[in-house]
Amino acid sequence: MPSETRSPRPEEAGHAVAGLVRLMERLRAECPWDRKQTFADLSGYLLEECYEALDALARKDLGKLEGELGDLLFEVVFLAELGREQDAFDLASLAERVHSKMVARHPHVFGEGAAKDAEAVRVQWEKLKEKERAVHAAGEQPPSPFVGIPRALPALLKAVRVTSRAADLGFEWQRDEDVLAKLDEEVAEFKAELLAEGATKESVAHEVGDILFTVVNVARRHGIDPEAALQATNAKFVRRFDEVARQVRASGRDVAGTPLDELDRTWNEVKRAEAP
């Protein structure tokens, strides 16, 4: 982790990235493994590096994050090199394209626009994106409101994006009481389906999906990232159950052979010990 705050130096970053591009060109020329990689081959590595960076973010480990972002940058440089080889794009064209897009989407910084707060910027951003989609679809059927939302997004994040897009168009709960009533309704439907004669895995899964979707709506309305919230709960469960397992093994027993009521009692003790 850097020991002091550094001022941004574009020329220094440009020199370092140029060196990375030259490294990538050499690897493609001289390394048999790098030479054989394709866009499809790199897709899995790109996703893996994204998740490793997200893990470092969640842990607030800036030293780890620096390394993971470097790995992610390498995948971008790798993909850009494949694009250059096919005369489709290169790292410079990627940077120029996103630079132009960011300038266009920040008229309150680079133009005559105004935005009083972060929410105003977000609304403006969505309106500008909508105009861009309309231009791209000129002469065609009106584009879907959800154009641009990647199909491969993790389900919780995708639910946030689609409900946020719908809310921007006016399809939004007016009161928390209404969305909570909807959650109660979905839970009741889930219980009824689960206990119904002839219920199938697919029908129960449908109701589970409805519950999760509604919970995401609740989280979104309160500015809570449901993915981060669930990751935190996952970590909490792992931490507590690890301690349960440690205590059981310390008594000379196997976790799998311990009665559930005893495991539950130990769990509650661990939970109480964590309480402030």
C-alpha atoms as a PDB file:
ATOM      1  CA  MET A   1       0.000   0.000   0.000  1.00  0.00           C
ATOM      2  CA  PRO A   2       1.439   3.438  -0.886  1.00  0.00           C
ATOM      3  CA  SER A   3       2.826   5.206   2.168  1.00  0.00           C
ATOM      4  CA  GLU A   4       1.820   8.675   1.000  1.00  0.00           C
ATOM      5  CA  THR A   5      -0.873  10.310  -1.072  1.00  0.00           C
ATOM      6  CA  ARG A   6       0.197  10.810  -4.660  1.00  0.00           C
ATOM      7  CA  SER A   7      -0.984  13.547  -6.998  1.00  0.00           C
ATOM      8  CA  PRO A   8      -2.331  12.300 -10.326  1.00  0.00           C
ATOM      9  CA  ARG A   9       0.307  12.398 -13.058  1.00  0.00           C
ATOM     10  CA  PRO A  10      -1.175  11.490 -16.456  1.00  0.00           C
ATOM     11  CA  GLU A  11       2.220  11.412 -18.163  1.00  0.00           C
ATOM     12  CA  GLU A  12       3.524   8.885 -15.608  1.00  0.00           C
ATOM     13  CA  ALA A  13       0.439   6.701 -16.029  1.00  0.00           C
ATOM     14  CA  GLY A  14       0.710   6.954 -19.803  1.00  0.00           C
ATOM     15  CA  HIS A  15       4.339   5.834 -19.734  1.00  0.00           C
ATOM     16  CA  ALA A  16       3.508   2.852 -17.494  1.00  0.00           C
ATOM     17  CA  VAL A  17       0.554   1.776 -19.624  1.00  0.00           C
ATOM     18  CA  ALA A  18       2.633   2.122 -22.806  1.00  0.00           C
ATOM     19  CA  GLY A  19       5.152  -0.233 -21.241  1.00  0.00           C
ATOM     20  CA  LEU A  20       2.380  -2.691 -20.486  1.00  0.00           C
ATOM     21  CA  VAL A  21       1.220  -2.545 -24.113  1.00  0.00           C
ATOM     22  CA  ARG A  22       4.760  -3.288 -25.317  1.00  0.00           C
ATOM     23  CA  LEU A  23       4.969  -6.175 -22.858  1.00  0.00           C
ATOM     24  CA  MET A  24       1.703  -7.581 -24.201  1.00  0.00           C
ATOM     25  CA  GLU A  25       2.919  -7.352 -27.795  1.00  0.00           C
ATOM     26  CA  ARG A  26       6.047  -9.300 -26.867  1.00  0.00           C
ATOM     27  CA  LEU A  27       4.076 -11.946 -24.997  1.00  0.00           C
ATOM     28  CA  ARG A  28       1.823 -12.453 -28.017  1.00  0.00           C
ATOM     29  CA  ALA A  29       4.889 -12.830 -30.218  1.00  0.00           C
ATOM     30  CA  GLU A  30       7.069 -15.026 -28.006  1.00  0.00           C
ATOM     31  CA  CYS A  31       4.908 -16.906 -25.452  1.00  0.00           C
ATOM     32  CA  PRO A  32       3.060 -19.970 -26.803  1.00  0.00           C
ATOM     33  CA  TRP A  33       0.303 -19.708 -24.175  1.00  0.00           C
ATOM     34  CA  ASP A  34      -0.361 -16.005 -24.664  1.00  0.00           C
ATOM     35  CA  ARG A  35      -0.197 -16.426 -28.443  1.00  0.00           C
ATOM     36  CA  LYS A  36      -2.986 -19.019 -28.503  1.00  0.00           C
ATOM     37  CA  GLN A  37      -5.500 -17.037 -26.401  1.00  0.00           C
ATOM     38  CA  THR A  38      -8.724 -15.805 -28.016  1.00  0.00           C
ATOM     39  CA  PHE A  39     -11.510 -13.433 -26.956  1.00  0.00           C
ATOM     40  CA  ALA A  40     -13.520 -16.426 -25.739  1.00  0.00           C
ATOM     41  CA  ASP A  41     -10.545 -17.793 -23.786  1.00  0.00           C
ATOM     42  CA  LEU A  42     -10.043 -14.497 -21.967  1.00  0.00           C
ATOM     43  CA  SER A  43     -13.675 -13.984 -20.967  1.00  0.00           C
ATOM     44  CA  GLY A  44     -13.368 -16.288 -17.954  1.00  0.00           C
ATOM     45  CA  TYR A  45     -10.136 -14.647 -16.798  1.00  0.00           C
ATOM     46  CA  LEU A  46     -11.734 -11.197 -17.122  1.00  0.00           C
ATOM     47  CA  LEU A  47     -14.662 -12.245 -14.939  1.00  0.00           C
ATOM     48  CA  GLU A  48     -12.354 -13.876 -12.387  1.00  0.00           C
ATOM     49  CA  GLU A  49     -10.199 -10.753 -12.101  1.00  0.00           C
ATOM     50  CA  CYS A  50     -13.317  -8.596 -11.646  1.00  0.00           C
ATOM     51  CA  TYR A  51     -14.476 -10.740  -8.747  1.00  0.00           C
ATOM     52  CA  GLU A  52     -11.033 -10.724  -7.132  1.00  0.00           C
ATOM     53  CA  ALA A  53     -10.986  -6.922  -7.325  1.00  0.00           C
ATOM     54  CA  LEU A  54     -14.472  -6.810  -5.830  1.00  0.00           C
ATOM     55  CA  ASP A  55     -13.323  -9.054  -2.990  1.00  0.00           C
ATOM     56  CA  ALA A  56     -10.442  -6.687  -2.228  1.00  0.00           C
ATOM     57  CA  LEU A  57     -12.885  -3.772  -2.285  1.00  0.00           C
ATOM     58  CA  ALA A  58     -15.208  -5.542   0.131  1.00  0.00           C
ATOM     59  CA  ARG A  59     -12.290  -6.228   2.472  1.00  0.00           C
ATOM     60  CA  LYS A  60     -11.129  -2.584   2.176  1.00  0.00           C
ATOM     61  CA  ASP A  61      -7.633  -3.959   1.527  1.00  0.00           C
ATOM     62  CA  LEU A  62      -6.094  -1.239  -0.641  1.00  0.00           C
ATOM     63  CA  GLY A  63      -2.805  -3.074  -1.038  1.00  0.00           C
ATOM     64  CA  LYS A  64      -4.626  -6.126  -2.358  1.00  0.00           C
ATOM     65  CA  LEU A  65      -6.879  -3.911  -4.467  1.00  0.00           C
ATOM     66  CA  GLU A  66      -3.875  -2.348  -6.186  1.00  0.00           C
ATOM     67  CA  GLY A  67      -2.679  -5.769  -7.275  1.00  0.00           C
ATOM     68  CA  GLU A  68      -6.106  -6.937  -8.393  1.00  0.00           C
ATOM     69  CA  LEU A  69      -6.765  -3.775 -10.390  1.00  0.00           C
ATOM     70  CA  GLY A  70      -3.388  -4.293 -12.060  1.00  0.00           C
ATOM     71  CA  ASP A  71      -4.440  -7.819 -13.029  1.00  0.00           C
ATOM     72  CA  LEU A  72      -7.736  -6.455 -14.348  1.00  0.00           C
ATOM     73  CA  LEU A  73      -5.896  -3.794 -16.345  1.00  0.00           C
ATOM     74  CA  PHE A  74      -3.714  -6.506 -17.844  1.00  0.00           C
ATOM     75  CA  GLU A  75      -6.804  -8.343 -19.089  1.00  0.00           C
ATOM     76  CA  VAL A  76      -8.056  -5.124 -20.707  1.00  0.00           C
ATOM     77  CA  VAL A  77      -4.665  -4.593 -22.382  1.00  0.00           C
ATOM     78  CA  PHE A  78      -4.698  -8.239 -23.516  1.00  0.00           C
ATOM     79  CA  LEU A  79      -8.163  -7.879 -25.060  1.00  0.00           C
ATOM     80  CA  ALA A  80      -7.160  -4.593 -26.678  1.00  0.00           C
ATOM     81  CA  GLU A  81      -4.173  -6.315 -28.262  1.00  0.00           C
ATOM     82  CA  LEU A  82      -6.452  -8.982 -29.743  1.00  0.00           C
ATOM     83  CA  GLY A  83      -8.626  -6.182 -31.111  1.00  0.00           C
ATOM     84  CA  ARG A  84      -5.599  -4.447 -32.632  1.00  0.00           C
ATOM     85  CA  GLU A  85      -4.500  -7.650 -34.323  1.00  0.00           C
ATOM     86  CA  GLN A  86      -7.925  -7.850 -35.984  1.00  0.00           C
ATOM     87  CA  ASP A  87      -7.917  -4.138 -36.937  1.00  0.00           C
ATOM     88  CA  ALA A  88     -11.048  -3.669 -34.794  1.00  0.00           C
ATOM     89  CA  PHE A  89      -9.790  -1.441 -31.951  1.00  0.00           C
ATOM     90  CA  ASP A  90      -6.801  -0.881 -29.703  1.00  0.00           C
ATOM     91  CA  LEU A  91      -6.134   0.538 -26.260  1.00  0.00           C
ATOM     92  CA  ALA A  92      -5.905   4.089 -27.611  1.00  0.00           C
ATOM     93  CA  SER A  93      -9.279   3.854 -29.346  1.00  0.00           C
ATOM     94  CA  LEU A  94     -10.816   2.411 -26.170  1.00  0.00           C
ATOM     95  CA  ALA A  95      -9.486   5.326 -24.124  1.00  0.00           C
ATOM     96  CA  GLU A  96     -10.604   7.900 -26.695  1.00  0.00           C
ATOM     97  CA  ARG A  97     -14.073   6.405 -26.898  1.00  0.00           C
ATOM     98  CA  VAL A  98     -14.686   6.343 -23.169  1.00  0.00           C
ATOM     99  CA  HIS A  99     -13.148   9.823 -22.819  1.00  0.00           C
ATOM    100  CA  SER A 100     -15.618  11.235 -25.348  1.00  0.00           C
ATOM    101  CA  LYS A 101     -18.493   9.445 -23.662  1.00  0.00           C
ATOM    102  CA  MET A 102     -17.607  10.737 -20.203  1.00  0.00           C
ATOM    103  CA  VAL A 103     -17.327  14.318 -21.465  1.00  0.00           C
ATOM    104  CA  ALA A 104     -20.718  14.040 -23.185  1.00  0.00           C
ATOM    105  CA  ARG A 105     -22.336  12.581 -20.063  1.00  0.00           C
ATOM    106  CA  HIS A 106     -20.986  15.296 -17.742  1.00  0.00           C
ATOM    107  CA  PRO A 107     -22.417  18.517 -19.232  1.00  0.00           C
ATOM    108  CA  HIS A 108     -22.445  20.007 -15.720  1.00  0.00           C
ATOM    109  CA  VAL A 109     -18.644  19.764 -15.761  1.00  0.00           C
ATOM    110  CA  PHE A 110     -17.699  20.246 -19.415  1.00  0.00           C
ATOM    111  CA  GLY A 111     -20.704  22.172 -20.736  1.00  0.00           C
ATOM    112  CA  GLU A 112     -23.532  24.474 -19.799  1.00  0.00           C
ATOM    113  CA  GLY A 113     -25.470  21.957 -17.738  1.00  0.00           C
ATOM    114  CA  ALA A 114     -26.048  22.074 -13.996  1.00  0.00           C
ATOM    115  CA  ALA A 115     -26.526  19.389 -11.360  1.00  0.00           C
ATOM    116  CA  LYS A 116     -27.080  20.276  -7.715  1.00  0.00           C
ATOM    117  CA  ASP A 117     -26.294  16.877  -6.203  1.00  0.00           C
ATOM    118  CA  ALA A 118     -25.335  13.267  -6.942  1.00  0.00           C
ATOM    119  CA  GLU A 119     -28.946  12.197  -7.536  1.00  0.00           C
ATOM    120  CA  ALA A 120     -29.373  14.939 -10.129  1.00  0.00           C
ATOM    121  CA  VAL A 121     -26.229  13.699 -11.873  1.00  0.00           C
ATOM    122  CA  ARG A 122     -27.593  10.135 -11.920  1.00  0.00           C
ATOM    123  CA  VAL A 123     -30.926  11.218 -13.403  1.00  0.00           C
ATOM    124  CA  GLN A 124     -29.148  13.346 -16.006  1.00  0.00           C
ATOM    125  CA  TRP A 125     -26.873  10.407 -16.848  1.00  0.00           C
ATOM    126  CA  GLU A 126     -29.837   8.113 -17.496  1.00  0.00           C
ATOM    127  CA  LYS A 127     -31.548  10.720 -19.679  1.00  0.00           C
ATOM    128  CA  LEU A 128     -28.402  11.140 -21.769  1.00  0.00           C
ATOM    129  CA  LYS A 129     -28.075   7.373 -22.157  1.00  0.00           C
ATOM    130  CA  GLU A 130     -31.704   7.214 -23.281  1.00  0.00           C
ATOM    131  CA  LYS A 131     -31.008   9.850 -25.947  1.00  0.00           C
ATOM    132  CA  GLU A 132     -27.969   7.885 -27.128  1.00  0.00           C
ATOM    133  CA  ARG A 133     -30.029   4.716 -27.447  1.00  0.00           C
ATOM    134  CA  ALA A 134     -32.693   6.608 -29.414  1.00  0.00           C
ATOM    135  CA  VAL A 135     -30.063   7.927 -31.847  1.00  0.00           C
ATOM    136  CA  HIS A 136     -28.598   4.463 -32.356  1.00  0.00           C
ATOM    137  CA  ALA A 137     -32.057   3.029 -32.987  1.00  0.00           C
ATOM    138  CA  ALA A 138     -33.195   5.790 -35.387  1.00  0.00           C
ATOM    139  CA  GLY A 139     -35.528   4.340 -38.011  1.00  0.00           C
ATOM    140  CA  GLU A 140     -36.052   1.170 -36.003  1.00  0.00           C
ATOM    141  CA  GLN A 141     -38.612   0.116 -33.435  1.00  0.00           C
ATOM    142  CA  PRO A 142     -38.319   2.087 -30.165  1.00  0.00           C
ATOM    143  CA  PRO A 143     -35.558   0.463 -28.098  1.00  0.00           C
ATOM    144  CA  SER A 144     -36.321  -1.474 -24.929  1.00  0.00           C
ATOM    145  CA  PRO A 145     -35.908   0.570 -21.735  1.00  0.00           C
ATOM    146  CA  PHE A 146     -33.398  -2.075 -20.679  1.00  0.00           C
ATOM    147  CA  VAL A 147     -31.040  -1.806 -23.655  1.00  0.00           C
ATOM    148  CA  GLY A 148     -27.456  -1.667 -22.398  1.00  0.00           C
ATOM    149  CA  ILE A 149     -27.987  -3.747 -19.277  1.00  0.00           C
ATOM    150  CA  PRO A 150     -25.678  -6.765 -19.761  1.00  0.00           C
ATOM    151  CA  ARG A 151     -27.404 -10.131 -19.772  1.00  0.00           C
ATOM    152  CA  ALA A 152     -24.529 -11.690 -17.841  1.00  0.00           C
ATOM    153  CA  LEU A 153     -24.749  -9.355 -14.819  1.00  0.00           C
ATOM    154  CA  PRO A 154     -25.046 -11.180 -11.484  1.00  0.00           C
ATOM    155  CA  ALA A 155     -28.745 -11.582 -10.720  1.00  0.00           C
ATOM    156  CA  LEU A 156     -28.898  -9.242  -7.721  1.00  0.00           C
ATOM    157  CA  LEU A 157     -27.056  -6.456  -9.530  1.00  0.00           C
ATOM    158  CA  LYS A 158     -29.199  -6.956 -12.631  1.00  0.00           C
ATOM    159  CA  ALA A 159     -32.351  -6.650 -10.526  1.00  0.00           C
ATOM    160  CA  VAL A 160     -31.045  -3.340  -9.166  1.00  0.00           C
ATOM    161  CA  ARG A 161     -30.336  -2.076 -12.674  1.00  0.00           C
ATOM    162  CA  VAL A 162     -33.680  -3.058 -14.226  1.00  0.00           C
ATOM    163  CA  THR A 163     -35.770  -1.756 -11.313  1.00  0.00           C
ATOM    164  CA  SER A 164     -33.755   1.464 -11.237  1.00  0.00           C
ATOM    165  CA  ARG A 165     -34.301   1.936 -14.980  1.00  0.00           C
ATOM    166  CA  ALA A 166     -38.046   1.330 -14.565  1.00  0.00           C
ATOM    167  CA  ALA A 167     -38.165   3.728 -11.600  1.00  0.00           C
ATOM    168  CA  ASP A 168     -36.542   6.447 -13.707  1.00  0.00           C
ATOM    169  CA  LEU A 169     -39.482   6.074 -16.102  1.00  0.00           C
ATOM    170  CA  GLY A 170     -42.014   6.483 -13.294  1.00  0.00           C
ATOM    171  CA  PHE A 171     -42.669   2.804 -12.498  1.00  0.00           C
ATOM    172  CA  GLU A 172     -41.772   3.056  -8.817  1.00  0.00           C
ATOM    173  CA  TRP A 173     -43.292   2.377  -5.425  1.00  0.00           C
ATOM    174  CA  GLN A 174     -44.488   5.597  -3.784  1.00  0.00           C
ATOM    175  CA  ARG A 175     -44.193   4.427  -0.159  1.00  0.00           C
ATOM    176  CA  ASP A 176     -42.107   1.892   1.728  1.00  0.00           C
ATOM    177  CA  GLU A 177     -45.352   0.525   3.183  1.00  0.00           C
ATOM    178  CA  ASP A 178     -46.463  -0.477  -0.312  1.00  0.00           C
ATOM    179  CA  VAL A 179     -43.316  -2.363  -1.220  1.00  0.00           C
ATOM    180  CA  LEU A 180     -43.277  -4.078   2.193  1.00  0.00           C
ATOM    181  CA  ALA A 181     -46.889  -5.144   1.615  1.00  0.00           C
ATOM    182  CA  LYS A 182     -45.734  -6.583  -1.699  1.00  0.00           C
ATOM    183  CA  LEU A 183     -42.986  -8.487   0.111  1.00  0.00           C
ATOM    184  CA  ASP A 184     -45.543  -9.944   2.538  1.00  0.00           C
ATOM    185  CA  GLU A 185     -47.674 -10.952  -0.447  1.00  0.00           C
ATOM    186  CA  GLU A 186     -44.758 -12.694  -2.164  1.00  0.00           C
ATOM    187  CA  VAL A 187     -43.765 -14.542   1.030  1.00  0.00           C
ATOM    188  CA  ALA A 188     -47.364 -15.726   1.463  1.00  0.00           C
ATOM    189  CA  GLU A 189     -47.438 -16.969  -2.132  1.00  0.00           C
ATOM    190  CA  PHE A 190     -44.141 -18.774  -1.584  1.00  0.00           C
ATOM    191  CA  LYS A 191     -45.465 -20.525   1.531  1.00  0.00           C
ATOM    192  CA  ALA A 192     -48.672 -21.538  -0.238  1.00  0.00           C
ATOM    193  CA  GLU A 193     -46.782 -22.922  -3.217  1.00  0.00           C
ATOM    194  CA  LEU A 194     -44.222 -24.742  -1.071  1.00  0.00           C
ATOM    195  CA  LEU A 195     -46.988 -26.534   0.859  1.00  0.00           C
ATOM    196  CA  ALA A 196     -49.288 -27.063  -2.121  1.00  0.00           C
ATOM    197  CA  GLU A 197     -49.968 -30.565  -3.362  1.00  0.00           C
ATOM    198  CA  GLY A 198     -48.272 -31.019  -6.698  1.00  0.00           C
ATOM    199  CA  ALA A 199     -45.781 -28.191  -6.191  1.00  0.00           C
ATOM    200  CA  THR A 200     -42.721 -28.517  -8.402  1.00  0.00           C
ATOM    201  CA  LYS A 201     -39.162 -27.337  -8.075  1.00  0.00           C
ATOM    202  CA  GLU A 202     -39.805 -24.872 -10.905  1.00  0.00           C
ATOM    203  CA  SER A 203     -42.956 -23.427  -9.329  1.00  0.00           C
ATOM    204  CA  VAL A 204     -41.252 -22.967  -5.961  1.00  0.00           C
ATOM    205  CA  ALA A 205     -38.196 -21.414  -7.676  1.00  0.00           C
ATOM    206  CA  HIS A 206     -40.539 -18.934  -9.368  1.00  0.00           C
ATOM    207  CA  GLU A 207     -41.838 -17.767  -5.987  1.00  0.00           C
ATOM    208  CA  VAL A 208     -38.327 -17.583  -4.517  1.00  0.00           C
ATOM    209  CA  GLY A 209     -37.332 -15.352  -7.433  1.00  0.00           C
ATOM    210  CA  ASP A 210     -40.284 -13.048  -6.762  1.00  0.00           C
ATOM    211  CA  ILE A 211     -39.253 -12.685  -3.112  1.00  0.00           C
ATOM    212  CA  LEU A 212     -35.647 -11.897  -3.991  1.00  0.00           C
ATOM    213  CA  PHE A 213     -36.724  -9.375  -6.625  1.00  0.00           C
ATOM    214  CA  THR A 214     -38.931  -7.563  -4.123  1.00  0.00           C
ATOM    215  CA  VAL A 215     -36.184  -7.536  -1.474  1.00  0.00           C
ATOM    216  CA  VAL A 216     -33.860  -5.965  -4.058  1.00  0.00           C
ATOM    217  CA  ASN A 217     -36.472  -3.232  -4.590  1.00  0.00           C
ATOM    218  CA  VAL A 218     -36.517  -2.520  -0.857  1.00  0.00           C
ATOM    219  CA  ALA A 219     -32.710  -2.338  -0.775  1.00  0.00           C
ATOM    220  CA  ARG A 220     -32.489  -0.131  -3.852  1.00  0.00           C
ATOM    221  CA  ARG A 221     -35.000   2.368  -2.470  1.00  0.00           C
ATOM    222  CA  HIS A 222     -32.781   2.814   0.585  1.00  0.00           C
ATOM    223  CA  GLY A 223     -29.483   3.039  -1.283  1.00  0.00           C
ATOM    224  CA  ILE A 224     -28.348  -0.400  -0.100  1.00  0.00           C
ATOM    225  CA  ASP A 225     -26.301  -2.601  -2.424  1.00  0.00           C
ATOM    226  CA  PRO A 226     -28.003  -6.006  -2.039  1.00  0.00           C
ATOM    227  CA  GLU A 227     -24.944  -7.835  -3.385  1.00  0.00           C
ATOM    228  CA  ALA A 228     -22.711  -6.226  -0.756  1.00  0.00           C
ATOM    229  CA  ALA A 229     -25.328  -6.853   1.936  1.00  0.00           C
ATOM    230  CA  LEU A 230     -25.546 -10.548   1.068  1.00  0.00           C
ATOM    231  CA  GLN A 231     -21.763 -10.855   0.870  1.00  0.00           C
ATOM    232  CA  ALA A 232     -21.537  -9.363   4.369  1.00  0.00           C
ATOM    233  CA  THR A 233     -24.103 -11.854   5.649  1.00  0.00           C
ATOM    234  CA  ASN A 234     -22.220 -14.710   3.948  1.00  0.00           C
ATOM    235  CA  ALA A 235     -19.035 -13.604   5.697  1.00  0.00           C
ATOM    236  CA  LYS A 236     -20.856 -13.351   9.031  1.00  0.00           C
ATOM    237  CA  PHE A 237     -22.281 -16.856   8.671  1.00  0.00           C
ATOM    238  CA  VAL A 238     -18.882 -18.309   7.735  1.00  0.00           C
ATOM    239  CA  ARG A 239     -17.201 -16.570  10.674  1.00  0.00           C
ATOM    240  CA  ARG A 240     -19.797 -17.805  13.171  1.00  0.00           C
ATOM    241  CA  PHE A 241     -20.004 -21.354  11.890  1.00  0.00           C
ATOM    242  CA  ASP A 242     -16.213 -21.609  11.786  1.00  0.00           C
ATOM    243  CA  GLU A 243     -16.264 -20.790  15.511  1.00  0.00           C
ATOM    244  CA  VAL A 244     -19.035 -23.345  16.133  1.00  0.00           C
ATOM    245  CA  ALA A 245     -16.972 -25.996  14.342  1.00  0.00           C
ATOM    246  CA  ARG A 246     -13.855 -25.011  16.273  1.00  0.00           C
ATOM    247  CA  GLN A 247     -15.634 -25.371  19.606  1.00  0.00           C
ATOM    248  CA  VAL A 248     -17.139 -28.729  18.660  1.00  0.00           C
ATOM    249  CA  ARG A 249     -13.793 -30.094  17.477  1.00  0.00           C
ATOM    250  CA  ALA A 250     -12.104 -28.757  20.631  1.00  0.00           C
ATOM    251  CA  SER A 251     -14.392 -31.061  22.636  1.00  0.00           C
ATOM    252  CA  GLY A 252     -13.114 -34.026  20.630  1.00  0.00           C
ATOM    253  CA  ARG A 253     -16.216 -34.508  18.496  1.00  0.00           C
ATOM    254  CA  ASP A 254     -17.016 -34.337  14.804  1.00  0.00           C
ATOM    255  CA  VAL A 255     -19.296 -31.549  13.582  1.00  0.00           C
ATOM    256  CA  ALA A 256     -21.290 -33.860  11.309  1.00  0.00           C
ATOM    257  CA  GLY A 257     -22.088 -36.167  14.224  1.00  0.00           C
ATOM    258  CA  THR A 258     -23.179 -33.456  16.656  1.00  0.00           C
ATOM    259  CA  PRO A 259     -26.960 -33.175  17.270  1.00  0.00           C
ATOM    260  CA  LEU A 260     -28.603 -30.181  15.637  1.00  0.00           C
ATOM    261  CA  ASP A 261     -29.944 -28.803  18.925  1.00  0.00           C
ATOM    262  CA  GLU A 262     -26.399 -28.706  20.331  1.00  0.00           C
ATOM    263  CA  LEU A 263     -25.054 -27.017  17.210  1.00  0.00           C
ATOM    264  CA  ASP A 264     -27.861 -24.489  17.442  1.00  0.00           C
ATOM    265  CA  ARG A 265     -27.115 -23.838  21.115  1.00  0.00           C
ATOM    266  CA  THR A 266     -23.421 -23.293  20.347  1.00  0.00           C
ATOM    267  CA  TRP A 267     -24.389 -21.020  17.442  1.00  0.00           C
ATOM    268  CA  ASN A 268     -26.467 -18.838  19.751  1.00  0.00           C
ATOM    269  CA  GLU A 269     -23.590 -18.653  22.243  1.00  0.00           C
ATOM    270  CA  VAL A 270     -21.215 -17.552  19.477  1.00  0.00           C
ATOM    271  CA  LYS A 271     -23.768 -14.990  18.304  1.00  0.00           C
ATOM    272  CA  ARG A 272     -24.192 -13.580  21.817  1.00  0.00           C
ATOM    273  CA  ALA A 273     -20.410 -13.390  22.251  1.00  0.00           C
ATOM    274  CA  GLU A 274     -20.219 -11.204  19.131  1.00  0.00           C
ATOM    275  CA  ALA A 275     -22.869  -8.790  20.362  1.00  0.00           C
ATOM    276  CA  PRO A 276     -21.429  -5.384  21.371  1.00  0.00           C
END
